[in-house]
PDB file of N, CA and C in Angstrom:
ATOM      1  N   MET A   1       0.837  -1.161   0.000  1.00  0.00           N
ATOM      2  CA  MET A   1       0.000   0.000   0.000  1.00  0.00           C
ATOM      3  C   MET A   1       0.895   1.240   0.000  1.00  0.00           C
ATOM      4  N   SER A   2       0.603   2.184  -0.867  1.00  0.00           N
ATOM      5  CA  SER A   2       1.423   3.385  -0.924  1.00  0.00           C
ATOM      6  C   SER A   2       0.998   4.359   0.167  1.00  0.00           C
ATOM      7  N   GLU A   3       1.764   5.401   0.323  1.00  0.00           N
ATOM      8  CA  GLU A   3       1.486   6.379   1.372  1.00  0.00           C
ATOM      9  C   GLU A   3       0.191   7.136   1.097  1.00  0.00           C
ATOM     10  N   ASP A   4      -0.115   7.382  -0.185  1.00  0.00           N
ATOM     11  CA  ASP A   4      -1.344   8.082  -0.530  1.00  0.00           C
ATOM     12  C   ASP A   4      -2.580   7.251  -0.202  1.00  0.00           C
ATOM     13  N   GLU A   5      -2.508   5.946  -0.409  1.00  0.00           N
ATOM     14  CA  GLU A   5      -3.639   5.082  -0.122  1.00  0.00           C
ATOM     15  C   GLU A   5      -3.869   4.918   1.371  1.00  0.00           C
ATOM     16  N   SER A   6      -2.811   4.940   2.165  1.00  0.00           N
ATOM     17  CA  SER A   6      -2.967   4.757   3.601  1.00  0.00           C
ATOM     18  C   SER A   6      -3.586   5.990   4.260  1.00  0.00           C
ATOM     19  N   ALA A   7      -3.401   7.179   3.683  1.00  0.00           N
ATOM     20  CA  ALA A   7      -4.011   8.390   4.238  1.00  0.00           C
ATOM     21  C   ALA A   7      -5.528   8.309   4.108  1.00  0.00           C
ATOM     22  N   GLY A   8      -5.999   7.863   2.973  1.00  0.00           N
ATOM     23  CA  GLY A   8      -7.396   7.576   2.702  1.00  0.00           C
ATOM     24  C   GLY A   8      -8.392   8.523   3.305  1.00  0.00           C
ATOM     25  N   MET A   9      -9.114   8.052   4.310  1.00  0.00           N
ATOM     26  CA  MET A   9     -10.212   8.796   4.869  1.00  0.00           C
ATOM     27  C   MET A   9      -9.740   9.972   5.733  1.00  0.00           C
ATOM     28  N   PHE A  10      -8.545   9.928   6.254  1.00  0.00           N
ATOM     29  CA  PHE A  10      -8.070  10.972   7.159  1.00  0.00           C
ATOM     30  C   PHE A  10      -7.204  12.002   6.449  1.00  0.00           C
ATOM     31  N   ASP A  11      -7.509  12.278   5.206  1.00  0.00           N
ATOM     32  CA  ASP A  11      -6.771  13.253   4.432  1.00  0.00           C
ATOM     33  C   ASP A  11      -7.216  14.653   4.866  1.00  0.00           C
ATOM     34  N   LEU A  12      -6.357  15.381   5.553  1.00  0.00           N
ATOM     35  CA  LEU A  12      -6.717  16.693   6.071  1.00  0.00           C
ATOM     36  C   LEU A  12      -6.803  17.757   4.990  1.00  0.00           C
ATOM     37  N   ASP A  13      -6.393  17.418   3.770  1.00  0.00           N
ATOM     38  CA  ASP A  13      -6.497  18.371   2.672  1.00  0.00           C
ATOM     39  C   ASP A  13      -7.868  18.343   2.017  1.00  0.00           C
ATOM     40  N   SER A  14      -8.676  17.324   2.281  1.00  0.00           N
ATOM     41  CA  SER A  14      -9.993  17.261   1.656  1.00  0.00           C
ATOM     42  C   SER A  14     -10.941  18.246   2.350  1.00  0.00           C
ATOM     43  N   LYS A  15     -11.792  18.836   1.559  1.00  0.00           N
ATOM     44  CA  LYS A  15     -12.721  19.826   2.075  1.00  0.00           C
ATOM     45  C   LYS A  15     -13.731  19.193   3.041  1.00  0.00           C
ATOM     46  N   PHE A  16     -14.146  17.954   2.750  1.00  0.00           N
ATOM     47  CA  PHE A  16     -15.093  17.258   3.613  1.00  0.00           C
ATOM     48  C   PHE A  16     -14.511  17.026   5.002  1.00  0.00           C
ATOM     49  N   MET A  17     -13.261  16.585   5.063  1.00  0.00           N
ATOM     50  CA  MET A  17     -12.640  16.283   6.353  1.00  0.00           C
ATOM     51  C   MET A  17     -12.408  17.567   7.152  1.00  0.00           C
ATOM     52  N   ARG A  18     -11.993  18.629   6.491  1.00  0.00           N
ATOM     53  CA  ARG A  18     -11.794  19.900   7.207  1.00  0.00           C
ATOM     54  C   ARG A  18     -13.106  20.407   7.784  1.00  0.00           C
ATOM     55  N   THR A  19     -14.173  20.323   6.985  1.00  0.00           N
ATOM     56  CA  THR A  19     -15.480  20.782   7.453  1.00  0.00           C
ATOM     57  C   THR A  19     -15.985  19.916   8.604  1.00  0.00           C
ATOM     58  N   THR A  20     -15.818  18.614   8.488  1.00  0.00           N
ATOM     59  CA  THR A  20     -16.249  17.703   9.552  1.00  0.00           C
ATOM     60  C   THR A  20     -15.504  17.972  10.850  1.00  0.00           C
ATOM     61  N   LEU A  21     -14.192  18.140  10.769  1.00  0.00           N
ATOM     62  CA  LEU A  21     -13.405  18.419  11.975  1.00  0.00           C
ATOM     63  C   LEU A  21     -13.803  19.754  12.600  1.00  0.00           C
ATOM     64  N   LEU A  22     -14.105  20.747  11.776  1.00  0.00           N
ATOM     65  CA  LEU A  22     -14.518  22.041  12.306  1.00  0.00           C
ATOM     66  C   LEU A  22     -15.864  21.935  13.016  1.00  0.00           C
ATOM     67  N   ILE A  23     -16.808  21.202  12.442  1.00  0.00           N
ATOM     68  CA  ILE A  23     -18.125  21.037  13.066  1.00  0.00           C
ATOM     69  C   ILE A  23     -18.004  20.268  14.386  1.00  0.00           C
ATOM     70  N   VAL A  24     -17.197  19.211  14.399  1.00  0.00           N
ATOM     71  CA  VAL A  24     -16.990  18.441  15.639  1.00  0.00           C
ATOM     72  C   VAL A  24     -16.344  19.324  16.709  1.00  0.00           C
ATOM     73  N   THR A  25     -15.375  20.136  16.307  1.00  0.00           N
ATOM     74  CA  THR A  25     -14.713  21.026  17.258  1.00  0.00           C
ATOM     75  C   THR A  25     -15.690  22.019  17.863  1.00  0.00           C
ATOM     76  N   VAL A  26     -16.508  22.635  17.031  1.00  0.00           N
ATOM     77  CA  VAL A  26     -17.473  23.624  17.523  1.00  0.00           C
ATOM     78  C   VAL A  26     -18.497  22.958  18.442  1.00  0.00           C
ATOM     79  N   LEU A  27     -18.950  21.763  18.087  1.00  0.00           N
ATOM     80  CA  LEU A  27     -19.895  21.060  18.954  1.00  0.00           C
ATOM     81  C   LEU A  27     -19.270  20.705  20.299  1.00  0.00           C
ATOM     82  N   LEU A  28     -18.008  20.283  20.285  1.00  0.00           N
ATOM     83  CA  LEU A  28     -17.340  19.950  21.552  1.00  0.00           C
ATOM     84  C   LEU A  28     -17.160  21.186  22.422  1.00  0.00           C
ATOM     85  N   ILE A  29     -16.816  22.307  21.811  1.00  0.00           N
ATOM     86  CA  ILE A  29     -16.550  23.520  22.596  1.00  0.00           C
ATOM     87  C   ILE A  29     -17.843  24.121  23.140  1.00  0.00           C
ATOM     88  N   PHE A  30     -18.886  24.178  22.322  1.00  0.00           N
ATOM     89  CA  PHE A  30     -20.098  24.864  22.759  1.00  0.00           C
ATOM     90  C   PHE A  30     -21.130  23.940  23.391  1.00  0.00           C
ATOM     91  N   ALA A  31     -21.361  22.776  22.818  1.00  0.00           N
ATOM     92  CA  ALA A  31     -22.379  21.881  23.368  1.00  0.00           C
ATOM     93  C   ALA A  31     -21.825  21.027  24.495  1.00  0.00           C
ATOM     94  N   GLY A  32     -20.522  20.776  24.489  1.00  0.00           N
ATOM     95  CA  GLY A  32     -19.915  19.934  25.517  1.00  0.00           C
ATOM     96  C   GLY A  32     -20.155  20.423  26.927  1.00  0.00           C
ATOM     97  N   PRO A  33     -19.791  21.662  27.245  1.00  0.00           N
ATOM     98  CA  PRO A  33     -19.966  22.107  28.627  1.00  0.00           C
ATOM     99  C   PRO A  33     -21.368  22.630  28.956  1.00  0.00           C
ATOM    100  N   THR A  34     -22.283  22.685  27.989  1.00  0.00           N
ATOM    101  CA  THR A  34     -23.617  23.215  28.277  1.00  0.00           C
ATOM    102  C   THR A  34     -24.685  22.131  28.220  1.00  0.00           C
ATOM    103  N   TYR A  35     -24.914  21.577  27.060  1.00  0.00           N
ATOM    104  CA  TYR A  35     -26.030  20.651  26.883  1.00  0.00           C
ATOM    105  C   TYR A  35     -25.748  19.257  27.420  1.00  0.00           C
ATOM    106  N   VAL A  36     -24.523  18.798  27.311  1.00  0.00           N
ATOM    107  CA  VAL A  36     -24.202  17.441  27.782  1.00  0.00           C
ATOM    108  C   VAL A  36     -24.394  17.317  29.296  1.00  0.00           C
ATOM    109  N   PRO A  37     -23.880  18.241  30.112  1.00  0.00           N
ATOM    110  CA  PRO A  37     -24.154  18.125  31.566  1.00  0.00           C
ATOM    111  C   PRO A  37     -25.641  18.249  31.903  1.00  0.00           C
ATOM    112  N   TYR A  38     -26.360  19.088  31.158  1.00  0.00           N
ATOM    113  CA  TYR A  38     -27.795  19.216  31.404  1.00  0.00           C
ATOM    114  C   TYR A  38     -28.511  17.894  31.145  1.00  0.00           C
ATOM    115  N   VAL A  39     -28.210  17.270  29.997  1.00  0.00           N
ATOM    116  CA  VAL A  39     -28.848  15.998  29.660  1.00  0.00           C
ATOM    117  C   VAL A  39     -28.450  14.918  30.650  1.00  0.00           C
ATOM    118  N   MET A  40     -27.176  14.883  31.022  1.00  0.00           N
ATOM    119  CA  MET A  40     -26.711  13.867  31.960  1.00  0.00           C
ATOM    120  C   MET A  40     -27.350  14.033  33.332  1.00  0.00           C
ATOM    121  N   ASN A  41     -27.497  15.273  33.777  1.00  0.00           N
ATOM    122  CA  ASN A  41     -28.026  15.524  35.116  1.00  0.00           C
ATOM    123  C   ASN A  41     -29.549  15.424  35.147  1.00  0.00           C
ATOM    124  N   SER A  42     -30.216  16.067  34.235  1.00  0.00           N
ATOM    125  CA  SER A  42     -31.676  16.148  34.292  1.00  0.00           C
ATOM    126  C   SER A  42     -32.370  14.911  33.747  1.00  0.00           C
ATOM    127  N   ILE A  43     -31.924  14.432  32.601  1.00  0.00           N
ATOM    128  CA  ILE A  43     -32.633  13.343  31.942  1.00  0.00           C
ATOM    129  C   ILE A  43     -32.115  11.983  32.392  1.00  0.00           C
ATOM    130  N   LEU A  44     -30.794  11.826  32.454  1.00  0.00           N
ATOM    131  CA  LEU A  44     -30.215  10.528  32.809  1.00  0.00           C
ATOM    132  C   LEU A  44     -30.017  10.348  34.313  1.00  0.00           C
ATOM    133  N   ASN A  45     -30.251  11.402  35.099  1.00  0.00           N
ATOM    134  CA  ASN A  45     -30.133  11.381  36.561  1.00  0.00           C
ATOM    135  C   ASN A  45     -28.752  10.944  37.050  1.00  0.00           C
ATOM    136  N   ILE A  46     -27.729  11.461  36.387  1.00  0.00           N
ATOM    137  CA  ILE A  46     -26.354  11.221  36.811  1.00  0.00           C
ATOM    138  C   ILE A  46     -25.949  12.357  37.746  1.00  0.00           C
ATOM    139  N   ASN A  47     -25.062  12.081  38.675  1.00  0.00           N
ATOM    140  CA  ASN A  47     -24.597  13.056  39.652  1.00  0.00           C
ATOM    141  C   ASN A  47     -24.169  14.357  38.964  1.00  0.00           C
ATOM    142  N   TYR A  48     -24.505  15.492  39.594  1.00  0.00           N
ATOM    143  CA  TYR A  48     -24.207  16.802  39.023  1.00  0.00           C
ATOM    144  C   TYR A  48     -22.708  16.998  38.807  1.00  0.00           C
ATOM    145  N   VAL A  49     -21.903  16.639  39.778  1.00  0.00           N
ATOM    146  CA  VAL A  49     -20.455  16.841  39.677  1.00  0.00           C
ATOM    147  C   VAL A  49     -19.881  16.008  38.530  1.00  0.00           C
ATOM    148  N   ALA A  50     -20.334  14.780  38.389  1.00  0.00           N
ATOM    149  CA  ALA A  50     -19.851  13.923  37.309  1.00  0.00           C
ATOM    150  C   ALA A  50     -20.239  14.497  35.954  1.00  0.00           C
ATOM    151  N   SER A  51     -21.449  15.018  35.839  1.00  0.00           N
ATOM    152  CA  SER A  51     -21.878  15.576  34.562  1.00  0.00           C
ATOM    153  C   SER A  51     -21.102  16.843  34.215  1.00  0.00           C
ATOM    154  N   VAL A  52     -20.787  17.661  35.208  1.00  0.00           N
ATOM    155  CA  VAL A  52     -19.996  18.866  34.961  1.00  0.00           C
ATOM    156  C   VAL A  52     -18.560  18.493  34.584  1.00  0.00           C
ATOM    157  N   LEU A  53     -18.010  17.479  35.219  1.00  0.00           N
ATOM    158  CA  LEU A  53     -16.663  17.028  34.865  1.00  0.00           C
ATOM    159  C   LEU A  53     -16.602  16.494  33.437  1.00  0.00           C
ATOM    160  N   VAL A  54     -17.623  15.765  33.016  1.00  0.00           N
ATOM    161  CA  VAL A  54     -17.681  15.287  31.634  1.00  0.00           C
ATOM    162  C   VAL A  54     -17.755  16.472  30.675  1.00  0.00           C
ATOM    163  N   GLY A  55     -18.543  17.474  31.015  1.00  0.00           N
ATOM    164  CA  GLY A  55     -18.617  18.687  30.185  1.00  0.00           C
ATOM    165  C   GLY A  55     -17.287  19.401  30.109  1.00  0.00           C
ATOM    166  N   LEU A  56     -16.574  19.460  31.214  1.00  0.00           N
ATOM    167  CA  LEU A  56     -15.252  20.092  31.226  1.00  0.00           C
ATOM    168  C   LEU A  56     -14.257  19.322  30.357  1.00  0.00           C
ATOM    169  N   VAL A  57     -14.314  18.003  30.427  1.00  0.00           N
ATOM    170  CA  VAL A  57     -13.433  17.178  29.594  1.00  0.00           C
ATOM    171  C   VAL A  57     -13.744  17.401  28.113  1.00  0.00           C
ATOM    172  N   LEU A  58     -15.023  17.478  27.761  1.00  0.00           N
ATOM    173  CA  LEU A  58     -15.395  17.727  26.367  1.00  0.00           C
ATOM    174  C   LEU A  58     -14.919  19.097  25.900  1.00  0.00           C
ATOM    175  N   LEU A  59     -14.994  20.095  26.785  1.00  0.00           N
ATOM    176  CA  LEU A  59     -14.487  21.423  26.451  1.00  0.00           C
ATOM    177  C   LEU A  59     -12.982  21.380  26.194  1.00  0.00           C
ATOM    178  N   ILE A  60     -12.252  20.698  27.043  1.00  0.00           N
ATOM    179  CA  ILE A  60     -10.798  20.599  26.878  1.00  0.00           C
ATOM    180  C   ILE A  60     -10.452  19.872  25.583  1.00  0.00           C
ATOM    181  N   VAL A  61     -11.166  18.796  25.279  1.00  0.00           N
ATOM    182  CA  VAL A  61     -10.926  18.074  24.025  1.00  0.00           C
ATOM    183  C   VAL A  61     -11.212  18.983  22.832  1.00  0.00           C
ATOM    184  N   GLY A  62     -12.272  19.774  22.896  1.00  0.00           N
ATOM    185  CA  GLY A  62     -12.595  20.705  21.819  1.00  0.00           C
ATOM    186  C   GLY A  62     -11.538  21.770  21.630  1.00  0.00           C
ATOM    187  N   VAL A  63     -11.022  22.307  22.721  1.00  0.00           N
ATOM    188  CA  VAL A  63      -9.980  23.334  22.629  1.00  0.00           C
ATOM    189  C   VAL A  63      -8.688  22.746  22.076  1.00  0.00           C
ATOM    190  N   VAL A  64      -8.344  21.533  22.496  1.00  0.00           N
ATOM    191  CA  VAL A  64      -7.137  20.878  21.967  1.00  0.00           C
ATOM    192  C   VAL A  64      -7.299  20.598  20.472  1.00  0.00           C
ATOM    193  N   LEU A  65      -8.474  20.154  20.062  1.00  0.00           N
ATOM    194  CA  LEU A  65      -8.721  19.919  18.641  1.00  0.00           C
ATOM    195  C   LEU A  65      -8.670  21.226  17.853  1.00  0.00           C
ATOM    196  N   MET A  66      -9.188  22.302  18.415  1.00  0.00           N
ATOM    197  CA  MET A  66      -9.108  23.612  17.760  1.00  0.00           C
ATOM    198  C   MET A  66      -7.657  24.050  17.632  1.00  0.00           C
ATOM    199  N   TRP A  67      -6.869  23.841  18.668  1.00  0.00           N
ATOM    200  CA  TRP A  67      -5.450  24.182  18.623  1.00  0.00           C
ATOM    201  C   TRP A  67      -4.754  23.392  17.517  1.00  0.00           C
ATOM    202  N   PHE A  68      -5.086  22.097  17.399  1.00  0.00           N
ATOM    203  CA  PHE A  68      -4.513  21.258  16.350  1.00  0.00           C
ATOM    204  C   PHE A  68      -4.888  21.783  14.971  1.00  0.00           C
ATOM    205  N   LEU A  69      -6.154  22.162  14.780  1.00  0.00           N
ATOM    206  CA  LEU A  69      -6.595  22.649  13.477  1.00  0.00           C
ATOM    207  C   LEU A  69      -5.942  23.974  13.115  1.00  0.00           C
ATOM    208  N   VAL A  70      -5.755  24.839  14.083  1.00  0.00           N
ATOM    209  CA  VAL A  70      -5.079  26.113  13.819  1.00  0.00           C
ATOM    210  C   VAL A  70      -3.601  25.876  13.536  1.00  0.00           C
ATOM    211  N   ARG A  71      -2.999  24.984  14.278  1.00  0.00           N
ATOM    212  CA  ARG A  71      -1.566  24.702  14.087  1.00  0.00           C
ATOM    213  C   ARG A  71      -1.279  24.092  12.724  1.00  0.00           C
ATOM    214  N   LYS A  72      -2.180  23.217  12.242  1.00  0.00           N
ATOM    215  CA  LYS A  72      -2.021  22.586  10.934  1.00  0.00           C
ATOM    216  C   LYS A  72      -2.505  23.493   9.798  1.00  0.00           C
ATOM    217  N   LYS A  73      -2.918  24.718  10.148  1.00  0.00           N
ATOM    218  CA  LYS A  73      -3.400  25.714   9.197  1.00  0.00           C
ATOM    219  C   LYS A  73      -4.638  25.241   8.428  1.00  0.00           C
ATOM    220  N   ILE A  74      -5.474  24.443   9.081  1.00  0.00           N
ATOM    221  CA  ILE A  74      -6.750  24.051   8.508  1.00  0.00           C
ATOM    222  C   ILE A  74      -7.745  25.173   8.741  1.00  0.00           C
ATOM    223  N   ILE A  75      -7.634  25.826   9.882  1.00  0.00           N
ATOM    224  CA  ILE A  75      -8.395  27.025  10.184  1.00  0.00           C
ATOM    225  C   ILE A  75      -7.419  28.189  10.121  1.00  0.00           C
ATOM    226  N   VAL A  76      -7.747  29.153   9.307  1.00  0.00           N
ATOM    227  CA  VAL A  76      -6.814  30.286   9.140  1.00  0.00           C
ATOM    228  C   VAL A  76      -7.376  31.502   9.831  1.00  0.00           C
TER     229      VAL A  76
END
């Protein structure tokens, strides 16, 4: 298998992959610390502290992914 074939679906130069990563990043940053803890606490009846910690982790993952996208110049 050549190097071009192994990149396949994770080709960061494709417009689809850049758009998908941007949408996932925005959802992690904005919905992660707001809607996910609400759903976990109110609907699923999970402990408030645990739901807030999960939201914080999602926020951190979103910020790290945003940093990666800016560093790779996918977001200019």
